[in-house]
Amino acid sequence: MELPILRRVAWLAAAAALLTIPGITPAGAADDWQKVGDDARGGVSGIAFEGRTADGAGVRALAVHDNKQTGQRRLSRITHRAGSDDVSPITWDGAEPVDLEAVEAIPEMPGEYLALASRGIVYRLKVTGSTATVVDYSPLPAIGEGADFESFALVARGGHLAALWADRGAGADRPATLYAAPLTFASWGQPQFGSVTRRTYRATYPTDDTTRHISDISVTASGRILFSSAADAGDDGPFDSAVSDAGRVTLSAAGGVRVRLNRTPVVLGTFPQHKVEAVECLPGSPRALLGTDDENLGGYVRTARFCGA
């Protein structure tokens, strides 16, 4: 889908102007991104750290794909190294989701993950080798009319667990809504959510009328909340996106969740021509692993130094 020429010129001018602001890191050269998918079926809609390679030089991660048709791939394993990536399929065993948009490792439960579909269904998975088995699934609480979810993150403190997720929002007229709630699991494995709090959020970049204000969430070890935001003009682009320092989350000794969003988000990096839909802070590292769903142009991954204290 081509933009009218005046709109395209305005978009490029706005992106160039933003990159002159001190403290904002541009995406860098095109070869910083490494391709992991060739078309719309191989885009990275969400990503979760799985472990490091045996030599410590690479990262293994699970990536979800927003495919909707029966039999299409829902989950892959990406082994990311500087200069190369290996992608292998994961077999989905159980109720087949439609439009997966996020995935997160469950703290202190090796091999277990929560994956989120856009309409608000959370799937608990057990990944063994090249198979992901559905343990159980549950709807998110407080789903609003027309909500479209692209993001999910977990926070663990003092034996307690909390979840953050967001309706992505759309353009100037519809900000994102961030939700947070304590999370536990029933004895049979089903995710169970406690009292929900809400905050609204507007991205400061990009500001296109197609902007999805929150396309993914990650939380640093110190509790900083990172959001990715993305503009999507159609299956052939152009795309634009950014990662921002948006606030902080804390858990009380009793497991209560408190979220504070910054009055003005701090843009950490911008990524013209890519639609970042996956942000994952890597344990023990200041780096985040980023993934894109660039629709017909495929999927890409790279790292960026966003997750320090």
Protein backbone atom coordinates (compact mmCIF):
# COMPACT_ATOMS: atom_id res chain seq x y z
CA MET A 1 0.00 0.00 0.00
CA GLU A 2 1.60 3.30 -1.12
CA LEU A 3 1.20 6.49 0.90
CA PRO A 4 0.28 9.72 -0.91
CA ILE A 5 3.52 11.57 -1.71
CA LEU A 6 2.90 14.50 0.67
CA ARG A 7 2.22 12.15 3.57
CA ARG A 8 5.34 10.12 2.79
CA VAL A 9 7.49 13.27 2.71
CA ALA A 10 6.02 14.44 6.02
CA TRP A 11 6.70 11.03 7.60
CA LEU A 12 10.35 11.07 6.52
CA ALA A 13 10.81 14.65 7.70
CA ALA A 14 9.36 13.85 11.12
CA ALA A 15 11.59 10.81 11.53
CA ALA A 16 14.69 12.78 10.53
CA ALA A 17 13.83 15.60 12.92
CA LEU A 18 13.36 13.25 15.85
CA LEU A 19 16.77 11.66 15.33
CA THR A 20 18.40 15.04 15.98
CA ILE A 21 17.08 15.16 19.54
CA PRO A 22 19.82 14.36 22.12
CA GLY A 23 19.46 11.00 23.84
CA ILE A 24 17.62 9.24 21.02
CA THR A 25 19.44 6.34 19.37
CA PRO A 26 18.71 5.65 15.67
CA ALA A 27 18.29 2.09 14.49
CA GLY A 28 21.69 1.99 12.84
CA ALA A 29 22.68 0.38 9.56
CA ALA A 30 20.32 -2.01 7.83
CA ASP A 31 22.66 -4.93 8.48
CA ASP A 32 22.05 -4.56 12.23
CA TRP A 33 18.80 -6.40 11.56
CA GLN A 34 18.96 -10.12 10.79
CA LYS A 35 16.17 -11.71 8.79
CA VAL A 36 14.26 -14.61 10.37
CA GLY A 37 11.13 -14.72 8.20
CA ASP A 38 10.54 -14.26 4.48
CA ASP A 39 6.91 -13.12 4.40
CA ALA A 40 3.86 -12.29 6.51
CA ARG A 41 3.73 -15.80 7.96
CA GLY A 42 7.26 -15.45 9.39
CA GLY A 43 6.95 -12.14 11.21
CA VAL A 44 7.87 -11.95 14.91
CA SER A 45 4.83 -10.81 16.91
CA GLY A 46 6.29 -11.63 20.32
CA ILE A 47 9.48 -13.09 21.76
CA ALA A 48 10.57 -14.79 24.98
CA PHE A 49 14.05 -15.61 26.24
CA GLU A 50 14.60 -19.37 26.43
CA GLY A 51 18.30 -19.63 27.28
CA ARG A 52 21.83 -19.06 26.05
CA THR A 53 23.73 -21.28 23.66
CA ALA A 54 26.27 -23.72 25.11
CA ASP A 55 29.19 -21.43 24.25
CA GLY A 56 27.45 -18.40 25.74
CA ALA A 57 27.80 -16.45 22.49
CA GLY A 58 24.19 -16.76 21.34
CA VAL A 59 20.64 -16.49 22.63
CA ARG A 60 17.79 -18.93 22.17
CA ALA A 61 14.32 -17.42 22.12
CA LEU A 62 10.76 -18.48 21.35
CA ALA A 63 8.89 -16.34 18.84
CA VAL A 64 5.14 -16.33 18.21
CA HIS A 65 3.58 -15.65 14.81
CA ASP A 66 0.20 -13.98 14.25
CA ASN A 67 -1.00 -16.62 11.80
CA LYS A 68 -4.72 -17.32 11.74
CA GLN A 69 -5.31 -20.32 9.48
CA THR A 70 -5.41 -23.92 10.68
CA GLY A 71 -2.07 -25.66 10.31
CA GLN A 72 0.03 -22.50 9.97
CA ARG A 73 3.01 -22.13 12.28
CA ARG A 74 2.30 -20.52 15.65
CA LEU A 75 5.69 -20.79 17.33
CA SER A 76 9.37 -20.97 16.36
CA ARG A 77 12.72 -21.18 18.10
CA ILE A 78 15.27 -18.55 17.07
CA THR A 79 18.96 -18.97 17.87
CA HIS A 80 20.40 -15.48 17.57
CA ARG A 81 24.11 -14.75 17.13
CA ALA A 82 25.90 -11.73 15.77
CA GLY A 83 25.81 -12.16 12.00
CA SER A 84 23.55 -15.21 11.84
CA ASP A 85 20.23 -16.61 13.00
CA ASP A 86 18.84 -20.12 12.94
CA VAL A 87 15.05 -20.60 12.94
CA SER A 88 13.37 -23.93 13.63
CA PRO A 89 9.66 -24.76 13.93
CA ILE A 90 7.95 -25.67 17.20
CA THR A 91 4.98 -28.04 16.98
CA TRP A 92 1.88 -26.69 18.71
CA ASP A 93 0.06 -29.46 20.62
CA GLY A 94 -3.40 -28.50 21.85
CA ALA A 95 -6.16 -25.98 21.20
CA GLU A 96 -4.96 -23.91 18.25
CA PRO A 97 -4.93 -20.14 18.83
CA VAL A 98 -5.78 -17.41 16.33
CA ASP A 99 -3.44 -14.41 16.02
CA LEU A 100 -0.80 -14.89 18.73
CA GLU A 101 0.80 -11.55 19.60
CA ALA A 102 2.97 -12.06 22.69
CA VAL A 103 4.82 -14.72 24.68
CA GLU A 104 6.58 -14.65 28.05
CA ALA A 105 8.55 -17.16 30.11
CA ILE A 106 6.99 -17.93 33.51
CA PRO A 107 9.57 -17.12 36.23
CA GLU A 108 10.79 -20.06 38.31
CA MET A 109 9.00 -22.54 36.02
CA PRO A 110 11.59 -23.79 33.52
CA GLY A 111 10.18 -24.58 30.10
CA GLU A 112 6.81 -22.94 30.80
CA TYR A 113 5.40 -19.90 29.00
CA LEU A 114 2.29 -17.80 28.61
CA ALA A 115 1.27 -16.84 25.07
CA LEU A 116 -1.40 -14.21 24.34
CA ALA A 117 -3.78 -14.03 21.39
CA SER A 118 -5.04 -10.66 20.20
CA ARG A 119 -8.58 -11.13 21.49
CA GLY A 120 -7.36 -11.78 25.02
CA ILE A 121 -6.92 -15.54 25.43
CA VAL A 122 -3.84 -16.58 27.44
CA TYR A 123 -2.34 -20.01 26.72
CA ARG A 124 -0.10 -21.72 29.27
CA LEU A 125 2.51 -23.81 27.45
CA LYS A 126 5.05 -26.45 28.38
CA VAL A 127 7.87 -26.52 25.83
CA THR A 128 9.88 -29.73 25.55
CA GLY A 129 12.31 -30.03 22.67
CA SER A 130 10.45 -29.02 19.52
CA THR A 131 6.92 -29.36 20.95
CA ALA A 132 4.81 -26.83 22.86
CA THR A 133 1.95 -28.47 24.75
CA VAL A 134 -1.04 -26.43 25.90
CA VAL A 135 -1.46 -26.98 29.65
CA ASP A 136 -4.54 -24.75 29.93
CA TYR A 137 -5.90 -21.42 28.74
CA SER A 138 -7.97 -18.57 30.11
CA PRO A 139 -9.35 -15.19 29.03
CA LEU A 140 -7.80 -12.02 30.37
CA PRO A 141 -9.94 -10.15 32.87
CA ALA A 142 -11.56 -6.79 32.08
CA ILE A 143 -11.59 -7.18 28.28
CA GLY A 144 -13.18 -4.08 26.80
CA GLU A 145 -15.25 -3.87 23.63
CA GLY A 146 -13.02 -3.74 20.57
CA ALA A 147 -9.83 -4.42 22.57
CA ASP A 148 -6.84 -5.65 20.57
CA PHE A 149 -3.93 -7.02 22.59
CA GLU A 150 -0.36 -7.21 21.29
CA SER A 151 1.70 -7.21 24.50
CA PHE A 152 2.27 -9.21 27.67
CA ALA A 153 4.92 -9.20 30.39
CA LEU A 154 5.45 -10.90 33.75
CA VAL A 155 7.08 -9.50 36.89
CA ALA A 156 8.25 -11.64 39.83
CA ARG A 157 9.23 -10.26 43.23
CA GLY A 158 9.42 -11.94 46.64
CA GLY A 159 7.55 -15.05 45.58
CA HIS A 160 4.74 -13.06 43.96
CA LEU A 161 3.89 -12.77 40.28
CA ALA A 162 2.14 -10.03 38.32
CA ALA A 163 1.13 -9.63 34.69
CA LEU A 164 1.08 -6.52 32.50
CA TRP A 165 -0.73 -6.35 29.17
CA ALA A 166 -2.24 -3.66 26.96
CA ASP A 167 -4.89 -2.88 24.41
CA ARG A 168 -2.65 -1.44 21.71
CA GLY A 169 -4.69 1.69 20.93
CA ALA A 170 -4.96 3.32 17.51
CA GLY A 171 -3.84 6.77 16.42
CA ALA A 172 -4.64 10.09 18.04
CA ASP A 173 -8.19 9.23 19.05
CA ARG A 174 -7.53 5.99 20.93
CA PRO A 175 -4.66 5.74 23.41
CA ALA A 176 -3.43 2.38 24.61
CA THR A 177 -4.77 1.01 27.88
CA LEU A 178 -2.22 -0.71 30.10
CA TYR A 179 -3.54 -3.32 32.52
CA ALA A 180 -1.78 -4.87 35.52
CA ALA A 181 -2.89 -7.60 37.93
CA PRO A 182 -1.49 -10.21 40.32
CA LEU A 183 -1.20 -13.63 38.72
CA THR A 184 -1.48 -17.11 40.21
CA PHE A 185 -2.15 -20.56 38.79
CA ALA A 186 -4.89 -23.01 39.71
CA SER A 187 -3.80 -26.48 40.76
CA TRP A 188 -4.77 -27.76 37.30
CA GLY A 189 -2.63 -25.08 35.61
CA GLN A 190 -5.06 -22.36 34.57
CA PRO A 191 -3.84 -18.75 34.84
CA GLN A 192 -5.86 -16.74 37.38
CA PHE A 193 -5.75 -12.96 37.61
CA GLY A 194 -6.36 -10.76 40.64
CA SER A 195 -7.61 -7.19 40.92
CA VAL A 196 -6.91 -5.18 37.77
CA THR A 197 -5.53 -1.64 37.56
CA ARG A 198 -5.55 0.48 34.37
CA ARG A 199 -3.50 3.33 32.91
CA THR A 200 -3.78 5.07 29.55
CA TYR A 201 -0.73 5.70 27.40
CA ARG A 202 0.09 7.68 24.26
CA ALA A 203 3.33 7.15 22.39
CA THR A 204 5.48 10.19 21.69
CA TYR A 205 6.95 8.40 18.63
CA PRO A 206 5.69 7.45 16.16
CA THR A 207 2.65 9.77 15.98
CA ASP A 208 1.17 8.59 12.68
CA ASP A 209 -2.60 8.10 12.53
CA THR A 210 -1.92 4.35 12.29
CA THR A 211 0.17 4.27 15.48
CA ARG A 212 -0.27 1.34 17.84
CA HIS A 213 0.78 3.00 21.09
CA ILE A 214 1.86 -0.25 22.78
CA SER A 215 2.95 -3.14 20.56
CA ASP A 216 4.92 -4.95 23.27
CA ILE A 217 6.05 -4.66 26.90
CA SER A 218 9.21 -5.68 28.72
CA VAL A 219 10.24 -5.02 32.31
CA THR A 220 13.86 -4.62 33.43
CA ALA A 221 15.31 -6.27 36.52
CA SER A 222 14.86 -3.00 38.42
CA GLY A 223 11.21 -2.61 37.39
CA ARG A 224 11.48 -0.14 34.52
CA ILE A 225 8.70 -0.59 31.98
CA LEU A 226 9.69 -0.53 28.31
CA PHE A 227 7.06 -0.16 25.58
CA SER A 228 7.46 -0.60 21.86
CA SER A 229 5.16 1.47 19.66
CA ALA A 230 4.60 0.98 15.94
CA ALA A 231 2.97 2.58 12.92
CA ASP A 232 1.62 0.26 10.23
CA ALA A 233 0.47 1.76 6.92
CA GLY A 234 -0.35 -1.61 5.31
CA ASP A 235 1.08 -4.99 4.41
CA ASP A 236 3.86 -3.43 2.33
CA GLY A 237 4.62 -0.57 4.73
CA PRO A 238 6.07 1.87 5.24
CA PHE A 239 6.51 1.04 8.91
CA ASP A 240 7.95 2.99 11.80
CA SER A 241 8.52 2.15 15.45
CA ALA A 242 10.28 3.04 18.67
CA VAL A 243 11.10 1.67 22.11
CA SER A 244 10.47 3.98 25.07
CA ASP A 245 11.14 4.04 28.81
CA ALA A 246 7.55 4.45 29.96
CA GLY A 247 7.50 4.08 33.74
CA ARG A 248 7.97 1.64 36.59
CA VAL A 249 6.16 -1.31 38.18
CA THR A 250 6.52 -2.51 41.78
CA LEU A 251 5.11 -5.42 43.75
CA SER A 252 4.42 -5.05 47.46
CA ALA A 253 5.34 -7.64 50.08
CA ALA A 254 1.72 -8.81 49.94
CA GLY A 255 1.76 -9.11 46.14
CA GLY A 256 -0.04 -5.89 45.27
CA VAL A 257 0.85 -4.31 41.93
CA ARG A 258 1.61 -0.61 41.49
CA VAL A 259 2.25 0.95 38.07
CA ARG A 260 3.54 4.48 37.55
CA LEU A 261 3.79 5.79 34.00
CA ASN A 262 6.07 8.69 33.13
CA ARG A 263 4.34 11.95 32.30
CA THR A 264 6.56 12.10 29.20
CA PRO A 265 7.95 8.76 27.94
CA VAL A 266 11.66 8.74 27.10
CA VAL A 267 12.30 7.47 23.57
CA LEU A 268 15.30 5.12 23.72
CA GLY A 269 15.53 4.18 20.05
CA THR A 270 13.68 4.64 16.78
CA PHE A 271 13.37 2.10 13.96
CA PRO A 272 12.12 3.62 10.69
CA GLN A 273 11.01 1.06 8.08
CA HIS A 274 10.48 -1.65 10.71
CA LYS A 275 7.45 -2.56 12.84
CA VAL A 276 8.80 -3.63 16.22
CA GLU A 277 6.27 -5.93 17.91
CA ALA A 278 8.59 -7.80 20.28
CA VAL A 279 10.84 -6.51 23.07
CA GLU A 280 12.57 -8.85 25.54
CA CYS A 281 15.13 -7.73 28.11
CA LEU A 282 17.77 -10.45 28.30
CA PRO A 283 18.53 -11.71 31.84
CA GLY A 284 21.85 -10.51 33.22
CA SER A 285 22.38 -8.15 30.30
CA PRO A 286 21.66 -4.50 29.47
CA ARG A 287 20.46 -5.61 26.05
CA ALA A 288 16.99 -6.24 24.70
CA LEU A 289 16.20 -8.66 21.90
CA LEU A 290 13.87 -6.95 19.42
CA GLY A 291 11.67 -8.60 16.82
CA THR A 292 9.66 -7.16 13.94
CA ASP A 293 6.57 -8.20 12.05
CA ASP A 294 7.10 -6.38 8.76
CA GLU A 295 4.19 -8.18 7.11
CA ASN A 296 4.98 -9.02 3.46
CA LEU A 297 8.60 -7.97 4.03
CA GLY A 298 9.13 -10.70 6.66
CA GLY A 299 10.51 -10.71 10.18
CA TYR A 300 13.78 -9.44 11.64
CA VAL A 301 15.60 -9.52 14.97
CA ARG A 302 18.44 -7.52 16.54
CA THR A 303 19.60 -6.44 19.98
CA ALA A 304 19.76 -2.95 21.48
CA ARG A 305 21.14 -1.63 24.77
CA PHE A 306 17.88 -0.59 26.44
CA CYS A 307 17.67 -2.65 29.62
CA GLY A 308 20.32 -1.27 31.97
CA ALA A 309 19.34 0.03 35.41
